[in-house]
């Protein structure tokens, strides 16, 4: 059952467009206002308001690509968005990490950026890396340079990061150009992308606009993803929050095309909800998952690839709550057909914390989700009518060649889940998915190798003096 009928998708779309025409976005940057005015937007300079009338909005949206490629550095994990494929990645810029040794939280460090990138690099079902945490031990003037360098040095998968300043984006771009072998090669195969966000409700600040403009002019893919909170920075109704979010997302896509027609930009959507009884953020709520699923349908109305979210939990540790909140969220958003799903690995504590063990557990859950997405293949061979006739009543299929042929293609085999009977489980010291994940994290730490060649690292450090050694 779809969460939204085609008629209700149209109603929310029309409501979002009406918001853009009647209310518009607050934009205070004079140069951006002039650019948008020159591009044909309805600009109210006195009130710093930009309104998006239907014909102009449609013209801008038509210029946005329906498909785009986010590349890996080694070509083994290229992401082809808009093709029907669903990709999962982790989430970004938390401030705490759960330390299994102490069972408590500690502040995140630059080492955690490197280590989470390295862990994502070996997880089969996590296809891209988002800068996972804030490096509290690095000077703010160079932390974007260090974030991206240590990410590149530990994973060859596509790297995405949120940038707080224009200078930070330029640091990332200079470094990426150097690694790519020049700005033209980076533009040809962008292995890095950027996240920025409007301020809900209906505001885009100068820094975000500067980042958008720099990225699209230099061929860096990006998303400007609204993150309204139903009941706080969005209406207390799901439909109302979706309408506002849709307006903000479409506006961001349109503005990027006004800066650079054809720019690679994803429709962004990170809606969430408040627990209005306590005023606690409830990112793990079922309503958050529902709105994220609905956002996919709104993006597809315009044929736009979507940067969506799933897998956030309000649980503080990897436990039963984290499992059921994540599982519902993953399935709803993935089965809706989202292109690019972030926050899908490692997240705890309403998006405020990460756990290395949770990365590994989430990778296993995502493996199950992919098995669901692959569906049930039906043909003469899988129906196996002749085999069933040959085996006959009372027989078994264990030793049949057909069983051996299909045993790996038909079933997902978990690494962490416990399937042994109770006596064998006790004999093996009662393992759980969490203890097994902890063992795999320890093993990964012992085996991990950097992703960049040593001589390349030396060249980078000679050129970029702000890079911190770990």
Protein backbone atom coordinates (compact mmCIF):
# COMPACT_ATOMS: atom_id res chain seq x y z
CA UNK A 1 0.00 0.00 0.00
CA UNK A 2 1.39 3.41 -0.98
CA UNK A 3 1.37 6.02 1.77
CA UNK A 4 0.12 8.65 -0.68
CA UNK A 5 -2.35 8.22 -3.50
CA UNK A 6 -1.55 9.92 -6.79
CA UNK A 7 -4.28 12.44 -5.99
CA UNK A 8 -2.72 13.28 -2.60
CA UNK A 9 0.76 13.56 -4.12
CA UNK A 10 -0.68 16.13 -6.50
CA UNK A 11 -2.35 18.01 -3.62
CA UNK A 12 0.90 18.28 -1.68
CA UNK A 13 2.78 19.31 -4.81
CA UNK A 14 0.24 22.04 -5.55
CA UNK A 15 0.37 23.20 -1.92
CA UNK A 16 4.15 23.45 -2.08
CA UNK A 17 4.00 25.41 -5.32
CA UNK A 18 1.37 27.69 -3.82
CA UNK A 19 3.67 28.38 -0.87
CA UNK A 20 6.45 29.34 -3.28
CA UNK A 21 4.16 31.70 -5.21
CA UNK A 22 2.40 33.31 -2.25
CA UNK A 23 5.07 33.27 0.45
CA UNK A 24 8.37 32.56 -1.27
CA UNK A 25 11.78 32.29 0.40
CA UNK A 26 13.59 34.87 2.50
CA UNK A 27 16.98 35.55 0.91
CA UNK A 28 19.07 38.42 2.27
CA UNK A 29 22.09 38.15 -0.01
CA UNK A 30 21.90 41.12 -2.41
CA UNK A 31 24.10 39.55 -5.10
CA UNK A 32 21.95 36.42 -5.14
CA UNK A 33 18.81 38.51 -5.34
CA UNK A 34 20.26 40.28 -8.37
CA UNK A 35 21.21 36.95 -9.98
CA UNK A 36 17.72 35.57 -9.46
CA UNK A 37 16.14 38.76 -10.74
CA UNK A 38 18.27 38.56 -13.89
CA UNK A 39 17.20 34.94 -14.33
CA UNK A 40 13.55 35.96 -14.25
CA UNK A 41 12.48 35.30 -10.67
CA UNK A 42 10.03 37.54 -8.82
CA UNK A 43 12.28 39.40 -6.38
CA UNK A 44 11.07 41.77 -3.65
CA UNK A 45 14.28 43.62 -2.71
CA UNK A 46 12.68 45.65 0.07
CA UNK A 47 11.51 42.57 1.99
CA UNK A 48 14.33 40.24 0.85
CA UNK A 49 11.76 37.83 -0.55
CA UNK A 50 11.91 35.68 -3.68
CA UNK A 51 8.71 34.19 -5.05
CA UNK A 52 8.64 31.35 -7.54
CA UNK A 53 5.83 31.65 -10.05
CA UNK A 54 4.76 28.51 -11.86
CA UNK A 55 6.14 29.02 -15.36
CA UNK A 56 9.53 30.23 -14.12
CA UNK A 57 9.78 27.42 -11.57
CA UNK A 58 8.99 24.82 -14.22
CA UNK A 59 11.59 26.28 -16.55
CA UNK A 60 14.29 26.03 -13.86
CA UNK A 61 13.29 22.51 -12.80
CA UNK A 62 13.36 21.26 -16.39
CA UNK A 63 17.06 22.17 -16.55
CA UNK A 64 17.96 19.95 -13.58
CA UNK A 65 19.25 16.52 -14.67
CA UNK A 66 17.02 13.53 -13.99
CA UNK A 67 20.08 11.29 -13.74
CA UNK A 68 23.52 12.01 -12.34
CA UNK A 69 26.63 10.09 -11.42
CA UNK A 70 28.48 10.29 -8.13
CA UNK A 71 31.78 8.55 -8.65
CA UNK A 72 34.07 6.46 -6.49
CA UNK A 73 37.80 7.02 -6.88
CA UNK A 74 38.52 3.45 -7.98
CA UNK A 75 35.41 3.03 -10.14
CA UNK A 76 34.14 0.08 -8.10
CA UNK A 77 31.33 1.87 -6.29
CA UNK A 78 30.05 4.47 -8.75
CA UNK A 79 26.53 5.67 -7.92
CA UNK A 80 24.13 6.16 -10.84
CA UNK A 81 21.22 8.13 -9.48
CA UNK A 82 17.88 8.31 -11.23
CA UNK A 83 18.17 4.80 -12.68
CA UNK A 84 15.95 3.00 -10.16
CA UNK A 85 18.85 1.82 -8.00
CA UNK A 86 18.74 2.45 -4.25
CA UNK A 87 22.00 3.39 -2.48
CA UNK A 88 22.60 3.64 1.26
CA UNK A 89 25.26 5.68 3.04
CA UNK A 90 26.01 6.81 6.57
CA UNK A 91 25.16 10.17 8.13
CA UNK A 92 27.24 13.08 9.20
CA UNK A 93 28.74 15.54 11.62
CA UNK A 94 27.72 14.14 15.02
CA UNK A 95 29.53 15.19 18.17
CA UNK A 96 29.70 11.98 20.20
CA UNK A 97 30.66 8.35 19.75
CA UNK A 98 29.59 5.40 21.89
CA UNK A 99 32.70 3.71 23.31
CA UNK A 100 31.97 0.03 23.94
CA UNK A 101 35.00 -0.24 26.24
CA UNK A 102 33.52 2.21 28.74
CA UNK A 103 29.82 1.87 27.78
CA UNK A 104 29.72 5.67 27.66
CA UNK A 105 29.95 8.47 25.14
CA UNK A 106 33.05 10.52 24.34
CA UNK A 107 33.68 13.49 22.06
CA UNK A 108 34.47 12.69 18.44
CA UNK A 109 38.00 13.32 17.14
CA UNK A 110 39.72 13.48 13.77
CA UNK A 111 40.71 9.85 14.27
CA UNK A 112 36.99 9.00 14.21
CA UNK A 113 36.60 10.65 10.79
CA UNK A 114 39.40 8.45 9.48
CA UNK A 115 38.16 5.32 11.20
CA UNK A 116 34.51 5.66 10.16
CA UNK A 117 35.62 6.23 6.56
CA UNK A 118 37.78 3.11 6.71
CA UNK A 119 34.96 1.06 8.19
CA UNK A 120 32.47 2.20 5.54
CA UNK A 121 35.05 1.24 2.91
CA UNK A 122 34.69 -2.46 3.81
CA UNK A 123 30.93 -2.60 4.44
CA UNK A 124 29.23 -4.29 1.50
CA UNK A 125 25.86 -2.57 1.75
CA UNK A 126 27.00 0.99 2.51
CA UNK A 127 27.76 2.57 -0.85
CA UNK A 128 29.02 6.04 0.06
CA UNK A 129 30.65 7.85 2.95
CA UNK A 130 29.37 11.03 4.56
CA UNK A 131 31.82 12.86 6.86
CA UNK A 132 30.54 11.22 10.01
CA UNK A 133 31.53 13.46 12.88
CA UNK A 134 33.01 16.70 14.13
CA UNK A 135 36.75 16.62 14.79
CA UNK A 136 36.98 18.41 18.13
CA UNK A 137 40.78 18.24 18.15
CA UNK A 138 41.31 20.25 14.93
CA UNK A 139 41.51 24.00 14.42
CA UNK A 140 38.22 25.27 12.98
CA UNK A 141 40.11 27.09 10.22
CA UNK A 142 41.33 23.81 8.70
CA UNK A 143 38.87 21.17 9.82
CA UNK A 144 37.21 20.81 6.41
CA UNK A 145 40.61 20.23 4.82
CA UNK A 146 41.35 17.56 7.41
CA UNK A 147 37.88 16.00 7.24
CA UNK A 148 38.10 15.39 3.53
CA UNK A 149 41.77 14.41 3.45
CA UNK A 150 41.34 11.73 6.11
CA UNK A 151 38.16 10.54 4.43
CA UNK A 152 39.94 10.22 1.07
CA UNK A 153 42.87 8.49 2.77
CA UNK A 154 40.60 5.80 4.20
CA UNK A 155 37.94 5.09 1.59
CA UNK A 156 37.74 4.99 -2.19
CA UNK A 157 33.94 5.21 -2.09
CA UNK A 158 32.17 8.46 -2.92
CA UNK A 159 32.67 11.04 -0.16
CA UNK A 160 30.08 13.64 0.80
CA UNK A 161 30.30 16.27 3.49
CA UNK A 162 28.52 19.23 4.94
CA UNK A 163 30.52 22.43 4.70
CA UNK A 164 29.93 25.35 7.07
CA UNK A 165 31.78 28.07 5.18
CA UNK A 166 32.72 29.04 1.65
CA UNK A 167 36.38 28.83 2.67
CA UNK A 168 35.77 25.26 3.84
CA UNK A 169 34.29 24.30 0.46
CA UNK A 170 37.27 25.84 -1.30
CA UNK A 171 39.64 23.81 0.90
CA UNK A 172 37.77 20.65 -0.09
CA UNK A 173 37.76 21.62 -3.76
CA UNK A 174 41.50 22.44 -3.90
CA UNK A 175 42.34 19.13 -2.24
CA UNK A 176 39.99 17.15 -4.49
CA UNK A 177 41.36 18.78 -7.64
CA UNK A 178 44.88 17.87 -6.58
CA UNK A 179 43.96 14.22 -5.93
CA UNK A 180 41.98 14.01 -9.19
CA UNK A 181 44.85 15.42 -11.23
CA UNK A 182 43.22 18.74 -12.06
CA UNK A 183 39.88 20.54 -11.94
CA UNK A 184 38.81 19.26 -15.35
CA UNK A 185 39.30 15.65 -14.28
CA UNK A 186 37.37 16.29 -11.07
CA UNK A 187 34.52 17.83 -13.05
CA UNK A 188 34.52 14.81 -15.35
CA UNK A 189 34.37 12.28 -12.49
CA UNK A 190 33.33 14.04 -9.27
CA UNK A 191 34.17 11.67 -6.40
CA UNK A 192 33.06 14.21 -3.81
CA UNK A 193 29.81 16.08 -3.16
CA UNK A 194 28.45 18.62 -0.69
CA UNK A 195 25.48 18.96 1.64
CA UNK A 196 23.97 22.29 2.59
CA UNK A 197 20.60 23.16 4.08
CA UNK A 198 17.98 25.89 4.00
CA UNK A 199 16.74 27.11 7.36
CA UNK A 200 13.19 25.93 7.87
CA UNK A 201 10.81 27.56 7.52
CA UNK A 202 11.53 29.09 4.10
CA UNK A 203 14.90 30.80 4.58
CA UNK A 204 18.22 30.51 2.75
CA UNK A 205 21.19 32.24 4.38
CA UNK A 206 24.07 33.86 2.52
CA UNK A 207 26.63 31.18 3.43
CA UNK A 208 24.48 28.35 2.07
CA UNK A 209 23.85 30.31 -1.12
CA UNK A 210 27.56 30.99 -1.58
CA UNK A 211 28.29 27.28 -1.13
CA UNK A 212 25.60 26.32 -3.66
CA UNK A 213 26.92 28.82 -6.20
CA UNK A 214 30.54 27.74 -5.81
CA UNK A 215 29.70 24.05 -6.11
CA UNK A 216 27.49 24.28 -9.19
CA UNK A 217 29.92 26.59 -11.00
CA UNK A 218 32.76 24.16 -10.32
CA UNK A 219 30.95 20.92 -11.14
CA UNK A 220 30.61 19.65 -7.57
CA UNK A 221 27.29 17.77 -7.10
CA UNK A 222 25.28 18.83 -4.11
CA UNK A 223 22.00 18.82 -2.28
CA UNK A 224 20.35 21.66 -0.39
CA UNK A 225 18.20 19.54 1.89
CA UNK A 226 15.43 21.08 4.01
CA UNK A 227 15.07 19.51 7.45
CA UNK A 228 11.75 20.74 8.85
CA UNK A 229 10.64 19.33 12.20
CA UNK A 230 6.90 18.67 12.29
CA UNK A 231 5.46 20.63 15.20
CA UNK A 232 8.49 22.95 15.53
CA UNK A 233 9.92 24.32 12.28
CA UNK A 234 7.12 22.80 10.22
CA UNK A 235 3.37 22.41 10.80
CA UNK A 236 2.21 19.76 13.27
CA UNK A 237 0.55 17.87 10.42
CA UNK A 238 2.52 15.52 8.20
CA UNK A 239 0.91 16.90 5.05
CA UNK A 240 1.72 20.48 6.08
CA UNK A 241 5.36 19.67 6.83
CA UNK A 242 5.64 17.83 3.53
CA UNK A 243 4.18 20.79 1.63
CA UNK A 244 6.65 23.22 3.25
CA UNK A 245 9.58 20.83 2.75
CA UNK A 246 8.60 20.33 -0.89
CA UNK A 247 8.55 24.09 -1.43
CA UNK A 248 12.00 24.47 0.14
CA UNK A 249 13.44 21.56 -1.85
CA UNK A 250 12.08 22.76 -5.20
CA UNK A 251 13.31 26.28 -4.51
CA UNK A 252 16.83 25.02 -3.82
CA UNK A 253 16.88 23.05 -7.08
CA UNK A 254 15.57 26.07 -9.01
CA UNK A 255 18.14 28.43 -7.50
CA UNK A 256 20.99 26.05 -8.37
CA UNK A 257 19.81 26.04 -12.00
CA UNK A 258 19.63 29.84 -12.01
CA UNK A 259 23.31 29.84 -10.99
CA UNK A 260 24.31 27.17 -13.52
CA UNK A 261 21.80 25.52 -15.88
CA UNK A 262 22.13 21.73 -15.81
CA UNK A 263 23.93 21.73 -12.46
CA UNK A 264 24.02 18.33 -10.72
CA UNK A 265 21.76 18.76 -7.73
CA UNK A 266 19.59 16.35 -5.78
CA UNK A 267 16.15 17.12 -4.40
CA UNK A 268 16.84 17.09 -0.66
CA UNK A 269 14.53 15.88 2.10
CA UNK A 270 15.34 15.32 5.79
CA UNK A 271 11.98 15.76 7.55
CA UNK A 272 11.56 14.74 11.17
CA UNK A 273 9.13 15.13 14.05
CA UNK A 274 8.90 16.33 17.64
CA UNK A 275 7.43 14.39 20.51
CA UNK A 276 5.03 17.20 21.35
CA UNK A 277 4.38 15.80 24.83
CA UNK A 278 7.99 16.41 25.90
CA UNK A 279 9.41 18.59 23.07
CA UNK A 280 12.10 15.99 22.43
CA UNK A 281 13.28 15.47 18.84
CA UNK A 282 11.93 12.15 17.55
CA UNK A 283 14.00 11.35 14.48
CA UNK A 284 13.38 7.65 15.03
CA UNK A 285 9.62 8.07 14.97
CA UNK A 286 7.50 6.22 12.46
CA UNK A 287 6.20 9.59 11.24
CA UNK A 288 9.74 10.63 10.29
CA UNK A 289 10.05 7.46 8.22
CA UNK A 290 6.62 8.05 6.66
CA UNK A 291 7.47 11.61 5.61
CA UNK A 292 10.81 10.52 4.15
CA UNK A 293 9.01 7.86 2.13
CA UNK A 294 6.46 10.41 0.89
CA UNK A 295 9.27 12.79 -0.08
CA UNK A 296 10.46 10.22 -2.63
CA UNK A 297 7.12 10.40 -4.44
CA UNK A 298 7.28 14.22 -4.48
CA UNK A 299 10.78 14.22 -5.99
CA UNK A 300 9.76 11.67 -8.61
CA UNK A 301 6.91 13.97 -9.67
CA UNK A 302 9.65 16.08 -11.28
CA UNK A 303 11.97 13.23 -12.23
CA UNK A 304 14.59 14.45 -9.76
CA UNK A 305 17.07 12.17 -7.94
CA UNK A 306 16.44 12.42 -4.21
CA UNK A 307 18.76 12.72 -1.24
CA UNK A 308 16.60 11.07 1.42
CA UNK A 309 17.15 9.79 4.94
CA UNK A 310 16.47 6.55 6.78
CA UNK A 311 17.93 4.60 9.67
CA UNK A 312 17.95 7.21 12.42
CA UNK A 313 16.93 5.99 15.86
CA UNK A 314 16.24 7.71 19.14
CA UNK A 315 17.87 4.79 21.00
CA UNK A 316 21.07 5.60 22.87
CA UNK A 317 22.76 2.22 22.36
CA UNK A 318 22.42 -0.64 19.83
CA UNK A 319 19.36 -2.38 21.26
CA UNK A 320 15.83 -3.54 20.48
CA UNK A 321 14.59 0.04 19.98
CA UNK A 322 17.33 0.85 17.49
CA UNK A 323 16.53 -2.33 15.59
CA UNK A 324 12.81 -1.78 15.13
CA UNK A 325 13.08 1.95 14.44
CA UNK A 326 15.80 1.45 11.86
CA UNK A 327 14.13 -1.53 10.22
CA UNK A 328 10.81 0.23 9.64
CA UNK A 329 12.58 3.33 8.35
CA UNK A 330 14.87 1.47 5.94
CA UNK A 331 12.06 -0.53 4.40
CA UNK A 332 9.64 2.38 3.96
CA UNK A 333 12.15 4.67 2.27
CA UNK A 334 13.92 2.02 0.21
CA UNK A 335 10.70 0.47 -1.06
CA UNK A 336 9.54 3.95 -2.07
CA UNK A 337 12.53 3.96 -4.45
CA UNK A 338 14.79 6.64 -2.96
CA UNK A 339 18.00 7.09 -4.94
CA UNK A 340 20.47 8.15 -2.27
CA UNK A 341 19.68 7.43 1.39
CA UNK A 342 21.96 8.98 3.99
CA UNK A 343 21.93 8.56 7.82
CA UNK A 344 21.56 4.84 7.12
CA UNK A 345 24.57 3.51 9.04
CA UNK A 346 26.02 4.02 12.48
CA UNK A 347 23.52 6.54 13.82
CA UNK A 348 22.16 6.63 17.38
CA UNK A 349 20.64 9.15 19.81
CA UNK A 350 18.34 11.06 17.43
CA UNK A 351 21.17 11.67 15.00
CA UNK A 352 23.52 13.09 17.64
CA UNK A 353 25.85 10.11 18.08
CA UNK A 354 27.45 7.18 16.29
CA UNK A 355 28.69 3.73 17.24
CA UNK A 356 31.23 1.66 15.35
CA UNK A 357 29.32 -1.49 16.21
CA UNK A 358 26.11 0.10 14.95
CA UNK A 359 27.76 0.63 11.55
CA UNK A 360 28.33 -3.12 11.29
CA UNK A 361 24.84 -4.01 12.56
CA UNK A 362 23.24 -1.56 10.14
CA UNK A 363 25.19 -3.06 7.26
CA UNK A 364 23.58 -6.41 8.03
CA UNK A 365 20.09 -4.89 8.23
CA UNK A 366 20.71 -3.18 4.89
CA UNK A 367 21.69 -6.52 3.43
CA UNK A 368 18.25 -7.80 4.37
CA UNK A 369 16.63 -4.70 2.88
CA UNK A 370 18.45 -5.26 -0.40
CA UNK A 371 17.21 -8.85 -0.37
CA UNK A 372 13.64 -7.52 -0.08
CA UNK A 373 14.25 -5.03 -2.90
CA UNK A 374 15.53 -7.83 -5.15
CA UNK A 375 12.16 -9.53 -4.77
CA UNK A 376 11.13 -13.03 -5.79
CA UNK A 377 12.37 -14.11 -9.22
CA UNK A 378 9.85 -16.28 -11.01
CA UNK A 379 10.74 -18.38 -14.07
CA UNK A 380 10.59 -22.02 -15.13
CA UNK A 381 13.80 -22.80 -13.25
CA UNK A 382 12.83 -21.18 -9.95
CA UNK A 383 9.29 -22.59 -10.06
CA UNK A 384 10.97 -26.01 -10.12
CA UNK A 385 7.86 -27.95 -11.16
CA UNK A 386 9.86 -30.79 -12.76
CA UNK A 387 12.08 -31.03 -9.67
CA UNK A 388 9.05 -31.19 -7.36
CA UNK A 389 7.59 -33.93 -9.57
CA UNK A 390 10.85 -35.90 -9.46
CA UNK A 391 11.34 -35.63 -5.69
CA UNK A 392 7.68 -36.44 -5.09
CA UNK A 393 5.69 -36.80 -1.88
CA UNK A 394 7.80 -37.50 1.22
CA UNK A 395 11.14 -36.70 -0.43
CA UNK A 396 13.60 -33.87 0.34
CA UNK A 397 15.65 -31.39 -1.66
CA UNK A 398 18.81 -31.10 0.43
CA UNK A 399 21.11 -33.02 -1.91
CA UNK A 400 19.58 -31.89 -5.17
CA UNK A 401 21.77 -30.06 -7.70
CA UNK A 402 19.02 -27.46 -7.97
CA UNK A 403 19.43 -26.67 -4.25
CA UNK A 404 23.19 -26.26 -4.57
CA UNK A 405 22.75 -24.05 -7.62
CA UNK A 406 20.33 -21.68 -5.90
CA UNK A 407 21.46 -21.72 -2.27
CA UNK A 408 23.43 -18.47 -2.54
CA UNK A 409 21.29 -16.55 -4.99
CA UNK A 410 17.99 -17.10 -3.20
CA UNK A 411 18.90 -16.48 0.42
CA UNK A 412 20.53 -13.73 2.50
CA UNK A 413 23.00 -15.21 4.96
CA UNK A 414 23.59 -12.96 7.99
CA UNK A 415 26.93 -12.63 9.72
CA UNK A 416 25.71 -11.26 13.05
CA UNK A 417 22.34 -12.91 13.61
CA UNK A 418 22.26 -16.00 15.82
CA UNK A 419 20.58 -19.03 14.20
CA UNK A 420 22.06 -21.87 16.27
CA UNK A 421 19.94 -23.79 18.76
CA UNK A 422 20.10 -22.83 22.44
CA UNK A 423 22.60 -25.47 23.55
CA UNK A 424 25.10 -24.59 20.82
CA UNK A 425 24.55 -20.88 21.54
CA UNK A 426 25.41 -21.40 25.22
CA UNK A 427 28.47 -23.45 24.30
CA UNK A 428 29.73 -20.53 22.22
CA UNK A 429 29.38 -18.11 25.18
CA UNK A 430 26.01 -16.65 24.18
CA UNK A 431 27.00 -14.42 21.27
CA UNK A 432 24.69 -11.59 20.21
CA UNK A 433 24.69 -9.36 17.13
CA UNK A 434 26.33 -6.67 19.28
CA UNK A 435 29.17 -8.88 20.57
CA UNK A 436 29.79 -10.19 17.07
CA UNK A 437 29.81 -6.65 15.67
CA UNK A 438 32.30 -5.62 18.35
CA UNK A 439 34.59 -8.50 17.35
CA UNK A 440 34.38 -7.50 13.69
CA UNK A 441 35.27 -3.89 14.54
CA UNK A 442 38.35 -5.10 16.44
CA UNK A 443 39.34 -7.29 13.48
CA UNK A 444 38.87 -4.40 11.04
CA UNK A 445 41.10 -2.12 13.14
CA UNK A 446 43.90 -4.69 12.94
CA UNK A 447 43.62 -5.17 9.18
CA UNK A 448 42.79 -1.69 7.83
CA UNK A 449 45.18 -0.06 5.35
CA UNK A 450 45.08 3.55 4.01
CA UNK A 451 43.40 4.15 0.65
CA UNK A 452 45.94 6.67 -0.72
CA UNK A 453 49.45 5.61 -1.73
CA UNK A 454 52.19 6.75 0.71
CA UNK A 455 53.92 8.86 -1.92
CA UNK A 456 50.63 10.60 -2.74
CA UNK A 457 50.07 11.34 0.94
CA UNK A 458 53.51 12.95 1.14
CA UNK A 459 52.76 15.14 -1.90
CA UNK A 460 49.43 16.23 -0.41
CA UNK A 461 50.96 17.09 2.97
CA UNK A 462 53.69 19.14 1.30
CA UNK A 463 51.10 21.13 -0.63
CA UNK A 464 48.48 21.50 2.13
CA UNK A 465 50.24 22.58 5.30
CA UNK A 466 47.11 22.49 7.48
CA UNK A 467 46.72 18.71 7.39
CA UNK A 468 47.06 17.12 10.82
CA UNK A 469 48.84 13.77 11.29
CA UNK A 470 47.01 11.10 13.25
